[in-house]
């Protein structure tokens, strides 16, 4: 599933690709993101679900 989300840590909108966990629009979830060789936990506010 693909979602348009607002990244609370980076203060910007981004798109989550290939998200395995179903997310609810309007909810805030913790998601692990990969930055280079490291993984960080970011809080994302789900704005909308994008159709394929």
PDB file of N, CA and C in Angstrom:
ATOM      1  N   UNK A   1       0.843  -1.194   0.000  1.00  0.00           N
ATOM      2  CA  UNK A   1       0.000   0.000   0.000  1.00  0.00           C
ATOM      3  C   UNK A   1       0.877   1.242   0.000  1.00  0.00           C
ATOM      4  N   UNK A   2       0.366   2.295  -0.590  1.00  0.00           N
ATOM      5  CA  UNK A   2       1.099   3.568  -0.624  1.00  0.00           C
ATOM      6  C   UNK A   2       0.285   4.620   0.134  1.00  0.00           C
ATOM      7  N   UNK A   3       0.989   5.444   0.885  1.00  0.00           N
ATOM      8  CA  UNK A   3       0.332   6.482   1.666  1.00  0.00           C
ATOM      9  C   UNK A   3       1.067   7.801   1.510  1.00  0.00           C
ATOM     10  N   UNK A   4       0.291   8.895   1.501  1.00  0.00           N
ATOM     11  CA  UNK A   4       0.895  10.224   1.605  1.00  0.00           C
ATOM     12  C   UNK A   4       0.849  10.576   3.087  1.00  0.00           C
ATOM     13  N   UNK A   5       2.015  10.891   3.662  1.00  0.00           N
ATOM     14  CA  UNK A   5       2.106  11.130   5.100  1.00  0.00           C
ATOM     15  C   UNK A   5       2.877  12.418   5.371  1.00  0.00           C
ATOM     16  N   UNK A   6       2.702  12.947   6.582  1.00  0.00           N
ATOM     17  CA  UNK A   6       3.475  14.094   7.038  1.00  0.00           C
ATOM     18  C   UNK A   6       4.471  13.587   8.072  1.00  0.00           C
ATOM     19  N   UNK A   7       5.751  13.799   7.812  1.00  0.00           N
ATOM     20  CA  UNK A   7       6.819  13.347   8.703  1.00  0.00           C
ATOM     21  C   UNK A   7       7.011  14.391   9.799  1.00  0.00           C
ATOM     22  N   UNK A   8       6.687  14.029  11.046  1.00  0.00           N
ATOM     23  CA  UNK A   8       6.775  14.966  12.171  1.00  0.00           C
ATOM     24  C   UNK A   8       8.227  15.366  12.470  1.00  0.00           C
ATOM     25  N   UNK A   9       9.171  14.441  12.277  1.00  0.00           N
ATOM     26  CA  UNK A   9      10.577  14.736  12.586  1.00  0.00           C
ATOM     27  C   UNK A   9      11.224  15.622  11.511  1.00  0.00           C
ATOM     28  N   UNK A  10      10.986  15.288  10.238  1.00  0.00           N
ATOM     29  CA  UNK A  10      11.591  16.067   9.145  1.00  0.00           C
ATOM     30  C   UNK A  10      10.752  17.276   8.755  1.00  0.00           C
ATOM     31  N   UNK A  11       9.536  17.379   9.303  1.00  0.00           N
ATOM     32  CA  UNK A  11       8.620  18.499   9.024  1.00  0.00           C
ATOM     33  C   UNK A  11       8.354  18.658   7.532  1.00  0.00           C
ATOM     34  N   UNK A  12       8.041  17.527   6.862  1.00  0.00           N
ATOM     35  CA  UNK A  12       7.706  17.603   5.441  1.00  0.00           C
ATOM     36  C   UNK A  12       6.825  16.436   5.041  1.00  0.00           C
ATOM     37  N   UNK A  13       6.137  16.596   3.901  1.00  0.00           N
ATOM     38  CA  UNK A  13       5.306  15.516   3.373  1.00  0.00           C
ATOM     39  C   UNK A  13       6.181  14.541   2.616  1.00  0.00           C
ATOM     40  N   UNK A  14       5.822  13.277   2.696  1.00  0.00           N
ATOM     41  CA  UNK A  14       6.517  12.261   1.914  1.00  0.00           C
ATOM     42  C   UNK A  14       5.542  11.148   1.580  1.00  0.00           C
ATOM     43  N   UNK A  15       5.966  10.258   0.698  1.00  0.00           N
ATOM     44  CA  UNK A  15       5.144   9.121   0.298  1.00  0.00           C
ATOM     45  C   UNK A  15       5.772   7.844   0.826  1.00  0.00           C
ATOM     46  N   UNK A  16       4.962   7.033   1.497  1.00  0.00           N
ATOM     47  CA  UNK A  16       5.423   5.724   1.961  1.00  0.00           C
ATOM     48  C   UNK A  16       5.105   4.717   0.871  1.00  0.00           C
ATOM     49  N   UNK A  17       6.124   4.044   0.365  1.00  0.00           N
ATOM     50  CA  UNK A  17       5.953   3.024  -0.671  1.00  0.00           C
ATOM     51  C   UNK A  17       6.010   1.646  -0.017  1.00  0.00           C
ATOM     52  N   UNK A  18       5.284   0.698  -0.562  1.00  0.00           N
ATOM     53  CA  UNK A  18       5.333  -0.699  -0.119  1.00  0.00           C
ATOM     54  C   UNK A  18       5.151  -0.845   1.396  1.00  0.00           C
ATOM     55  N   UNK A  19       4.178  -0.170   1.921  1.00  0.00           N
ATOM     56  CA  UNK A  19       3.891  -0.248   3.361  1.00  0.00           C
ATOM     57  C   UNK A  19       3.114  -1.534   3.631  1.00  0.00           C
ATOM     58  N   UNK A  20       3.652  -2.379   4.512  1.00  0.00           N
ATOM     59  CA  UNK A  20       3.029  -3.674   4.782  1.00  0.00           C
ATOM     60  C   UNK A  20       1.868  -3.539   5.764  1.00  0.00           C
ATOM     61  N   UNK A  21       2.014  -2.655   6.730  1.00  0.00           N
ATOM     62  CA  UNK A  21       1.000  -2.479   7.760  1.00  0.00           C
ATOM     63  C   UNK A  21      -0.083  -1.520   7.274  1.00  0.00           C
ATOM     64  N   UNK A  22      -1.355  -1.921   7.320  1.00  0.00           N
ATOM     65  CA  UNK A  22      -2.420  -0.988   6.927  1.00  0.00           C
ATOM     66  C   UNK A  22      -2.503   0.165   7.929  1.00  0.00           C
ATOM     67  N   UNK A  23      -2.532   1.386   7.422  1.00  0.00           N
ATOM     68  CA  UNK A  23      -2.610   2.571   8.271  1.00  0.00           C
ATOM     69  C   UNK A  23      -3.951   3.253   8.074  1.00  0.00           C
ATOM     70  N   UNK A  24      -4.452   3.897   9.120  1.00  0.00           N
ATOM     71  CA  UNK A  24      -5.727   4.586   9.056  1.00  0.00           C
ATOM     72  C   UNK A  24      -5.494   6.066   8.796  1.00  0.00           C
ATOM     73  N   UNK A  25      -6.242   6.634   7.844  1.00  0.00           N
ATOM     74  CA  UNK A  25      -6.104   8.052   7.511  1.00  0.00           C
ATOM     75  C   UNK A  25      -6.472   8.893   8.733  1.00  0.00           C
ATOM     76  N   UNK A  26      -5.635   9.871   9.056  1.00  0.00           N
ATOM     77  CA  UNK A  26      -5.866  10.723  10.215  1.00  0.00           C
ATOM     78  C   UNK A  26      -5.132  10.263  11.457  1.00  0.00           C
ATOM     79  N   UNK A  27      -4.601   9.052  11.432  1.00  0.00           N
ATOM     80  CA  UNK A  27      -3.893   8.539  12.600  1.00  0.00           C
ATOM     81  C   UNK A  27      -2.417   8.928  12.539  1.00  0.00           C
ATOM     82  N   UNK A  28      -1.749   8.821  13.679  1.00  0.00           N
ATOM     83  CA  UNK A  28      -0.314   9.057  13.746  1.00  0.00           C
ATOM     84  C   UNK A  28       0.340   7.729  14.101  1.00  0.00           C
ATOM     85  N   UNK A  29       1.308   7.330  13.284  1.00  0.00           N
ATOM     86  CA  UNK A  29       1.960   6.052  13.523  1.00  0.00           C
ATOM     87  C   UNK A  29       3.457   6.185  13.542  1.00  0.00           C
ATOM     88  N   UNK A  30       4.098   5.261  14.236  1.00  0.00           N
ATOM     89  CA  UNK A  30       5.565   5.215  14.256  1.00  0.00           C
ATOM     90  C   UNK A  30       6.014   4.284  13.152  1.00  0.00           C
ATOM     91  N   UNK A  31       6.905   4.771  12.314  1.00  0.00           N
ATOM     92  CA  UNK A  31       7.372   3.981  11.174  1.00  0.00           C
ATOM     93  C   UNK A  31       8.887   4.023  11.137  1.00  0.00           C
ATOM     94  N   UNK A  32       9.502   2.872  10.867  1.00  0.00           N
ATOM     95  CA  UNK A  32      10.957   2.834  10.708  1.00  0.00           C
ATOM     96  C   UNK A  32      11.297   3.249   9.291  1.00  0.00           C
ATOM     97  N   UNK A  33      12.185   4.241   9.147  1.00  0.00           N
ATOM     98  CA  UNK A  33      12.642   4.656   7.830  1.00  0.00           C
ATOM     99  C   UNK A  33      14.126   4.378   7.715  1.00  0.00           C
ATOM    100  N   UNK A  34      14.549   4.057   6.514  1.00  0.00           N
ATOM    101  CA  UNK A  34      15.950   3.747   6.289  1.00  0.00           C
ATOM    102  C   UNK A  34      16.626   4.984   5.706  1.00  0.00           C
ATOM    103  N   UNK A  35      17.665   5.472   6.386  1.00  0.00           N
ATOM    104  CA  UNK A  35      18.432   6.618   5.902  1.00  0.00           C
ATOM    105  C   UNK A  35      19.870   6.174   5.756  1.00  0.00           C
ATOM    106  N   UNK A  36      20.284   5.933   4.508  1.00  0.00           N
ATOM    107  CA  UNK A  36      21.628   5.421   4.294  1.00  0.00           C
ATOM    108  C   UNK A  36      21.750   4.027   4.870  1.00  0.00           C
ATOM    109  N   UNK A  37      22.710   3.835   5.758  1.00  0.00           N
ATOM    110  CA  UNK A  37      22.911   2.527   6.382  1.00  0.00           C
ATOM    111  C   UNK A  37      22.178   2.390   7.712  1.00  0.00           C
ATOM    112  N   UNK A  38      21.563   3.473   8.196  1.00  0.00           N
ATOM    113  CA  UNK A  38      20.916   3.442   9.504  1.00  0.00           C
ATOM    114  C   UNK A  38      19.394   3.430   9.359  1.00  0.00           C
ATOM    115  N   UNK A  39      18.722   3.016  10.417  1.00  0.00           N
ATOM    116  CA  UNK A  39      17.264   3.056  10.476  1.00  0.00           C
ATOM    117  C   UNK A  39      16.852   4.004  11.594  1.00  0.00           C
ATOM    118  N   UNK A  40      15.848   4.832  11.314  1.00  0.00           N
ATOM    119  CA  UNK A  40      15.336   5.769  12.310  1.00  0.00           C
ATOM    120  C   UNK A  40      13.843   5.551  12.469  1.00  0.00           C
ATOM    121  N   UNK A  41      13.320   5.837  13.655  1.00  0.00           N
ATOM    122  CA  UNK A  41      11.882   5.764  13.888  1.00  0.00           C
ATOM    123  C   UNK A  41      11.321   7.174  13.780  1.00  0.00           C
ATOM    124  N   UNK A  42      10.371   7.365  12.868  1.00  0.00           N
ATOM    125  CA  UNK A  42       9.736   8.664  12.676  1.00  0.00           C
ATOM    126  C   UNK A  42       8.247   8.537  12.952  1.00  0.00           C
ATOM    127  N   UNK A  43       7.636   9.637  13.366  1.00  0.00           N
ATOM    128  CA  UNK A  43       6.190   9.678  13.574  1.00  0.00           C
ATOM    129  C   UNK A  43       5.564  10.274  12.312  1.00  0.00           C
ATOM    130  N   UNK A  44       4.641   9.541  11.712  1.00  0.00           N
ATOM    131  CA  UNK A  44       3.978   9.975  10.499  1.00  0.00           C
ATOM    132  C   UNK A  44       2.504  10.188  10.759  1.00  0.00           C
ATOM    133  N   UNK A  45       1.983  11.323  10.299  1.00  0.00           N
ATOM    134  CA  UNK A  45       0.538  11.555  10.307  1.00  0.00           C
ATOM    135  C   UNK A  45       0.033  11.178   8.919  1.00  0.00           C
ATOM    136  N   UNK A  46      -0.876  10.218   8.843  1.00  0.00           N
ATOM    137  CA  UNK A  46      -1.364   9.715   7.559  1.00  0.00           C
ATOM    138  C   UNK A  46      -2.346  10.707   6.975  1.00  0.00           C
ATOM    139  N   UNK A  47      -2.037  11.237   5.774  1.00  0.00           N
ATOM    140  CA  UNK A  47      -2.895  12.211   5.126  1.00  0.00           C
ATOM    141  C   UNK A  47      -3.898  11.543   4.186  1.00  0.00           C
ATOM    142  N   UNK A  48      -3.433  10.583   3.374  1.00  0.00           N
ATOM    143  CA  UNK A  48      -4.345   9.885   2.467  1.00  0.00           C
ATOM    144  C   UNK A  48      -3.717   8.589   1.968  1.00  0.00           C
ATOM    145  N   UNK A  49      -4.582   7.680   1.534  1.00  0.00           N
ATOM    146  CA  UNK A  49      -4.107   6.435   0.934  1.00  0.00           C
ATOM    147  C   UNK A  49      -4.080   6.639  -0.576  1.00  0.00           C
ATOM    148  N   UNK A  50      -2.944   6.313  -1.190  1.00  0.00           N
ATOM    149  CA  UNK A  50      -2.791   6.486  -2.625  1.00  0.00           C
ATOM    150  C   UNK A  50      -3.096   5.169  -3.332  1.00  0.00           C
ATOM    151  N   UNK A  51      -3.868   5.245  -4.387  1.00  0.00           N
ATOM    152  CA  UNK A  51      -4.215   4.047  -5.163  1.00  0.00           C
ATOM    153  C   UNK A  51      -3.100   3.748  -6.153  1.00  0.00           C
ATOM    154  N   UNK A  52      -2.925   2.487  -6.475  1.00  0.00           N
ATOM    155  CA  UNK A  52      -1.858   2.069  -7.400  1.00  0.00           C
ATOM    156  C   UNK A  52      -2.114   2.542  -8.816  1.00  0.00           C
TER     157      UNK A  52
END
